[in-house]
């Protein structure tokens, strides 16, 4: 099981990678709140996806988030590291189908 600090660092690493890729990819039409709920740690993070970027990451849940990733700490780290494809986590992501398609382009 990964630690809360490792998960926080992974999300910030993902945000940095998305920031770098956002300019090359062009603007992605997706502006949604995001919650990442870690079932094994009983913890959560939330932020916002906007313009192909992940911003305003902070501790705590956002029960009204438009996109929710409900997973374990190890799966989060594997997803961010590229060892686990987003398509294998479809059941762990709660979002409308159009947002899921846009997320695939983003990641």
N, C-alpha and C. Protein backbone atom coordinates (compact mmCIF):
# COMPACT_ATOMS: atom_id res chain seq x y z
N UNK A 1 0.85 -1.18 0.00
CA UNK A 1 0.00 0.00 0.00
C UNK A 1 0.90 1.24 0.00
N UNK A 2 0.58 2.16 -0.90
CA UNK A 2 1.32 3.41 -0.99
C UNK A 2 0.88 4.34 0.15
N UNK A 3 1.72 5.30 0.46
CA UNK A 3 1.39 6.24 1.51
C UNK A 3 0.63 7.44 0.94
N UNK A 4 0.03 8.19 1.83
CA UNK A 4 -0.69 9.39 1.42
C UNK A 4 0.25 10.39 0.75
N UNK A 5 1.46 10.52 1.27
CA UNK A 5 2.43 11.43 0.67
C UNK A 5 2.83 10.98 -0.74
N UNK A 6 2.99 9.68 -0.95
CA UNK A 6 3.32 9.17 -2.28
C UNK A 6 2.19 9.47 -3.27
N UNK A 7 0.95 9.33 -2.81
CA UNK A 7 -0.20 9.62 -3.68
C UNK A 7 -0.28 11.10 -4.00
N UNK A 8 -0.04 11.94 -3.01
CA UNK A 8 -0.05 13.39 -3.22
C UNK A 8 1.03 13.77 -4.23
N UNK A 9 2.22 13.19 -4.05
CA UNK A 9 3.34 13.48 -4.96
C UNK A 9 3.00 12.99 -6.38
N UNK A 10 2.36 11.82 -6.50
CA UNK A 10 1.99 11.29 -7.82
C UNK A 10 1.02 12.23 -8.52
N UNK A 11 0.03 12.75 -7.80
CA UNK A 11 -0.92 13.68 -8.41
C UNK A 11 -0.23 14.96 -8.87
N UNK A 12 0.71 15.45 -8.07
CA UNK A 12 1.44 16.66 -8.47
C UNK A 12 2.37 16.37 -9.65
N UNK A 13 2.95 15.16 -9.70
CA UNK A 13 3.75 14.76 -10.86
C UNK A 13 2.89 14.70 -12.12
N UNK A 14 1.68 14.15 -11.98
CA UNK A 14 0.75 14.09 -13.10
C UNK A 14 0.39 15.51 -13.56
N UNK A 15 0.14 16.39 -12.61
CA UNK A 15 -0.19 17.78 -12.96
C UNK A 15 0.95 18.43 -13.73
N UNK A 16 2.19 18.18 -13.31
CA UNK A 16 3.35 18.75 -14.00
C UNK A 16 3.48 18.18 -15.41
N UNK A 17 3.22 16.89 -15.57
CA UNK A 17 3.30 16.27 -16.89
C UNK A 17 2.21 16.80 -17.82
N UNK A 18 1.01 16.97 -17.29
CA UNK A 18 -0.09 17.51 -18.08
C UNK A 18 0.19 18.96 -18.48
N UNK A 19 0.80 19.70 -17.58
CA UNK A 19 1.16 21.10 -17.88
C UNK A 19 2.12 21.14 -19.06
N UNK A 20 3.11 20.26 -19.06
CA UNK A 20 4.08 20.20 -20.14
C UNK A 20 3.43 19.80 -21.46
N UNK A 21 2.50 18.84 -21.39
CA UNK A 21 1.85 18.33 -22.60
C UNK A 21 0.73 19.22 -23.11
N UNK A 22 0.19 20.09 -22.27
CA UNK A 22 -0.98 20.89 -22.64
C UNK A 22 -0.70 21.76 -23.86
N UNK A 23 0.47 22.36 -23.91
CA UNK A 23 0.79 23.25 -25.02
C UNK A 23 0.94 22.47 -26.32
N UNK A 24 1.56 21.31 -26.26
CA UNK A 24 1.76 20.51 -27.48
C UNK A 24 0.44 19.90 -27.97
N UNK A 25 -0.42 19.55 -27.06
CA UNK A 25 -1.68 18.88 -27.39
C UNK A 25 -2.73 19.86 -27.88
N UNK A 26 -2.61 21.10 -27.50
CA UNK A 26 -3.65 22.07 -27.81
C UNK A 26 -4.69 22.07 -26.71
N UNK A 27 -5.56 23.04 -26.76
CA UNK A 27 -6.55 23.18 -25.70
C UNK A 27 -7.58 22.06 -25.76
N UNK A 28 -7.76 21.39 -24.65
CA UNK A 28 -8.75 20.33 -24.54
C UNK A 28 -10.00 20.93 -23.88
N UNK A 29 -11.11 20.75 -24.53
CA UNK A 29 -12.36 21.32 -24.04
C UNK A 29 -12.92 20.47 -22.89
N UNK A 30 -12.33 20.63 -21.73
CA UNK A 30 -12.77 19.90 -20.55
C UNK A 30 -12.49 20.78 -19.33
N UNK A 31 -13.54 21.17 -18.66
CA UNK A 31 -13.42 21.98 -17.45
C UNK A 31 -14.32 21.34 -16.40
N UNK A 32 -13.70 20.51 -15.56
CA UNK A 32 -14.47 19.76 -14.57
C UNK A 32 -13.73 19.68 -13.24
N UNK A 33 -14.51 19.59 -12.18
CA UNK A 33 -13.93 19.31 -10.87
C UNK A 33 -13.62 17.81 -10.82
N UNK A 34 -12.57 17.48 -10.07
CA UNK A 34 -12.10 16.11 -9.98
C UNK A 34 -11.88 15.74 -8.53
N UNK A 35 -12.35 14.56 -8.15
CA UNK A 35 -12.06 14.00 -6.83
C UNK A 35 -11.33 12.68 -7.04
N UNK A 36 -10.33 12.44 -6.24
CA UNK A 36 -9.60 11.18 -6.25
C UNK A 36 -9.75 10.58 -4.86
N UNK A 37 -10.52 9.51 -4.77
CA UNK A 37 -10.81 8.87 -3.48
C UNK A 37 -10.02 7.57 -3.37
N UNK A 38 -9.22 7.49 -2.34
CA UNK A 38 -8.35 6.33 -2.13
C UNK A 38 -8.98 5.42 -1.09
N UNK A 39 -9.52 4.31 -1.56
CA UNK A 39 -10.31 3.43 -0.70
C UNK A 39 -9.48 2.77 0.39
N UNK A 40 -8.24 2.41 0.10
CA UNK A 40 -7.43 1.72 1.09
C UNK A 40 -6.86 2.64 2.16
N UNK A 41 -6.77 3.93 1.86
CA UNK A 41 -6.24 4.90 2.83
C UNK A 41 -7.35 5.68 3.53
N UNK A 42 -8.56 5.57 3.02
CA UNK A 42 -9.65 6.35 3.59
C UNK A 42 -9.40 7.84 3.47
N UNK A 43 -8.80 8.24 2.35
CA UNK A 43 -8.44 9.63 2.13
C UNK A 43 -8.85 10.04 0.73
N UNK A 44 -8.78 11.34 0.47
CA UNK A 44 -9.14 11.85 -0.85
C UNK A 44 -8.37 13.13 -1.15
N UNK A 45 -8.32 13.44 -2.43
CA UNK A 45 -7.77 14.69 -2.95
C UNK A 45 -8.80 15.25 -3.92
N UNK A 46 -8.72 16.53 -4.17
CA UNK A 46 -9.58 17.09 -5.21
C UNK A 46 -8.85 18.23 -5.89
N UNK A 47 -9.31 18.52 -7.09
CA UNK A 47 -8.72 19.59 -7.89
C UNK A 47 -9.65 19.89 -9.06
N UNK A 48 -9.07 20.45 -10.10
CA UNK A 48 -9.86 20.83 -11.26
C UNK A 48 -9.05 20.53 -12.52
N UNK A 49 -9.74 19.98 -13.51
CA UNK A 49 -9.15 19.79 -14.84
C UNK A 49 -9.67 20.91 -15.71
N UNK A 50 -8.77 21.69 -16.25
CA UNK A 50 -9.16 22.79 -17.11
C UNK A 50 -8.07 23.03 -18.16
N UNK A 51 -8.48 23.17 -19.41
CA UNK A 51 -7.54 23.45 -20.49
C UNK A 51 -6.44 22.41 -20.63
N UNK A 52 -6.75 21.14 -20.32
CA UNK A 52 -5.75 20.09 -20.41
C UNK A 52 -4.79 20.06 -19.24
N UNK A 53 -5.10 20.81 -18.21
CA UNK A 53 -4.24 20.89 -17.03
C UNK A 53 -4.99 20.41 -15.79
N UNK A 54 -4.24 19.91 -14.81
CA UNK A 54 -4.78 19.55 -13.51
C UNK A 54 -4.28 20.59 -12.52
N UNK A 55 -5.19 21.36 -11.95
CA UNK A 55 -4.80 22.49 -11.10
C UNK A 55 -5.52 22.42 -9.75
N UNK A 56 -5.03 23.21 -8.83
CA UNK A 56 -5.64 23.39 -7.52
C UNK A 56 -5.82 22.07 -6.76
N UNK A 57 -4.81 21.21 -6.80
CA UNK A 57 -4.87 19.94 -6.08
C UNK A 57 -4.74 20.22 -4.58
N UNK A 58 -5.66 19.66 -3.83
CA UNK A 58 -5.63 19.84 -2.39
C UNK A 58 -6.17 18.60 -1.69
N UNK A 59 -5.85 18.45 -0.43
CA UNK A 59 -6.34 17.32 0.35
C UNK A 59 -7.84 17.46 0.60
N UNK A 60 -8.50 16.33 0.73
CA UNK A 60 -9.92 16.32 1.05
C UNK A 60 -10.76 15.97 -0.16
N UNK A 61 -11.97 15.56 0.12
CA UNK A 61 -12.90 15.14 -0.92
C UNK A 61 -13.73 16.32 -1.43
N UNK A 62 -14.25 16.18 -2.61
CA UNK A 62 -15.24 17.10 -3.16
C UNK A 62 -16.43 16.24 -3.58
N UNK A 63 -17.43 16.11 -2.71
CA UNK A 63 -18.56 15.24 -3.02
C UNK A 63 -19.35 15.66 -4.25
N UNK A 64 -19.18 16.90 -4.69
CA UNK A 64 -19.91 17.39 -5.87
C UNK A 64 -19.06 17.33 -7.14
N UNK A 65 -17.89 16.71 -7.08
CA UNK A 65 -16.99 16.66 -8.24
C UNK A 65 -17.68 15.99 -9.42
N UNK A 66 -17.48 16.55 -10.59
CA UNK A 66 -18.08 16.01 -11.82
C UNK A 66 -17.40 14.73 -12.27
N UNK A 67 -16.12 14.58 -11.92
CA UNK A 67 -15.37 13.37 -12.23
C UNK A 67 -14.79 12.85 -10.93
N UNK A 68 -14.99 11.57 -10.67
CA UNK A 68 -14.45 10.96 -9.45
C UNK A 68 -13.69 9.69 -9.81
N UNK A 69 -12.48 9.60 -9.32
CA UNK A 69 -11.66 8.40 -9.46
C UNK A 69 -11.65 7.73 -8.10
N UNK A 70 -12.22 6.54 -8.03
CA UNK A 70 -12.31 5.79 -6.78
C UNK A 70 -11.43 4.56 -6.95
N UNK A 71 -10.29 4.54 -6.26
CA UNK A 71 -9.29 3.51 -6.49
C UNK A 71 -8.44 3.30 -5.25
N UNK A 72 -7.49 2.41 -5.36
CA UNK A 72 -6.54 2.21 -4.27
C UNK A 72 -5.30 3.07 -4.50
N UNK A 73 -4.53 3.22 -3.47
CA UNK A 73 -3.31 4.03 -3.57
C UNK A 73 -2.33 3.43 -4.58
N UNK A 74 -2.17 2.11 -4.57
CA UNK A 74 -1.25 1.47 -5.52
C UNK A 74 -1.71 1.63 -6.97
N UNK A 75 -3.01 1.51 -7.21
CA UNK A 75 -3.53 1.69 -8.57
C UNK A 75 -3.33 3.13 -9.04
N UNK A 76 -3.49 4.10 -8.14
CA UNK A 76 -3.24 5.50 -8.51
C UNK A 76 -1.79 5.67 -8.95
N UNK A 77 -0.86 5.15 -8.17
CA UNK A 77 0.55 5.27 -8.52
C UNK A 77 0.85 4.57 -9.85
N UNK A 78 0.26 3.40 -10.07
CA UNK A 78 0.47 2.69 -11.34
C UNK A 78 -0.11 3.46 -12.52
N UNK A 79 -1.28 4.06 -12.32
CA UNK A 79 -1.90 4.84 -13.39
C UNK A 79 -1.03 6.04 -13.75
N UNK A 80 -0.57 6.76 -12.76
CA UNK A 80 0.26 7.94 -13.00
C UNK A 80 1.60 7.56 -13.64
N UNK A 81 2.14 6.41 -13.23
CA UNK A 81 3.43 5.95 -13.78
C UNK A 81 3.30 5.34 -15.17
N UNK A 82 2.06 5.18 -15.65
CA UNK A 82 1.85 4.61 -16.97
C UNK A 82 1.85 3.09 -16.99
N UNK A 83 1.83 2.46 -15.82
CA UNK A 83 1.81 1.00 -15.74
C UNK A 83 0.40 0.44 -15.82
N UNK A 84 -0.60 1.30 -15.71
CA UNK A 84 -2.00 0.88 -15.73
C UNK A 84 -2.73 1.83 -16.66
N UNK A 85 -3.40 1.27 -17.65
CA UNK A 85 -4.11 2.10 -18.62
C UNK A 85 -5.45 2.57 -18.07
N UNK A 86 -5.82 3.77 -18.44
CA UNK A 86 -7.08 4.34 -18.01
C UNK A 86 -8.26 3.46 -18.42
N UNK A 87 -8.16 2.83 -19.58
CA UNK A 87 -9.25 1.99 -20.07
C UNK A 87 -9.51 0.79 -19.15
N UNK A 88 -8.50 0.36 -18.40
CA UNK A 88 -8.68 -0.74 -17.45
C UNK A 88 -9.34 -0.26 -16.16
N UNK A 89 -9.47 1.04 -16.00
CA UNK A 89 -10.02 1.59 -14.77
C UNK A 89 -11.40 2.22 -14.97
N UNK A 90 -12.05 1.90 -16.07
CA UNK A 90 -13.34 2.53 -16.39
C UNK A 90 -14.34 2.37 -15.25
N UNK A 91 -14.35 1.24 -14.59
CA UNK A 91 -15.31 1.06 -13.50
C UNK A 91 -14.94 1.88 -12.27
N UNK A 92 -13.71 2.35 -12.20
CA UNK A 92 -13.28 3.14 -11.05
C UNK A 92 -13.50 4.64 -11.26
N UNK A 93 -13.88 5.02 -12.48
CA UNK A 93 -14.06 6.43 -12.80
C UNK A 93 -15.55 6.73 -12.94
N UNK A 94 -15.99 7.69 -12.18
CA UNK A 94 -17.39 8.10 -12.25
C UNK A 94 -17.46 9.43 -12.97
N UNK A 95 -17.93 9.36 -14.21
CA UNK A 95 -18.04 10.56 -15.04
C UNK A 95 -19.00 10.24 -16.18
N UNK A 96 -19.47 11.30 -16.85
CA UNK A 96 -20.33 11.02 -17.99
C UNK A 96 -19.47 10.49 -19.14
N UNK A 97 -20.06 9.75 -20.07
CA UNK A 97 -19.29 9.11 -21.14
C UNK A 97 -18.47 10.08 -21.99
N UNK A 98 -18.98 11.27 -22.23
CA UNK A 98 -18.23 12.25 -23.03
C UNK A 98 -16.98 12.71 -22.29
N UNK A 99 -17.08 12.89 -20.98
CA UNK A 99 -15.91 13.26 -20.18
C UNK A 99 -14.88 12.14 -20.17
N UNK A 100 -15.34 10.89 -20.14
CA UNK A 100 -14.41 9.76 -20.18
C UNK A 100 -13.59 9.76 -21.47
N UNK A 101 -14.24 10.05 -22.59
CA UNK A 101 -13.52 10.12 -23.86
C UNK A 101 -12.47 11.22 -23.84
N UNK A 102 -12.83 12.34 -23.28
CA UNK A 102 -11.88 13.46 -23.20
C UNK A 102 -10.72 13.14 -22.25
N UNK A 103 -11.01 12.44 -21.16
CA UNK A 103 -9.96 12.04 -20.24
C UNK A 103 -8.94 11.13 -20.92
N UNK A 104 -9.42 10.23 -21.76
CA UNK A 104 -8.50 9.34 -22.48
C UNK A 104 -7.53 10.12 -23.34
N UNK A 105 -8.00 11.19 -23.96
CA UNK A 105 -7.13 12.04 -24.77
C UNK A 105 -6.11 12.76 -23.89
N UNK A 106 -6.56 13.13 -22.72
CA UNK A 106 -5.71 13.89 -21.80
C UNK A 106 -4.57 13.04 -21.26
N UNK A 107 -4.87 11.82 -20.88
CA UNK A 107 -3.88 10.96 -20.27
C UNK A 107 -3.17 10.13 -21.32
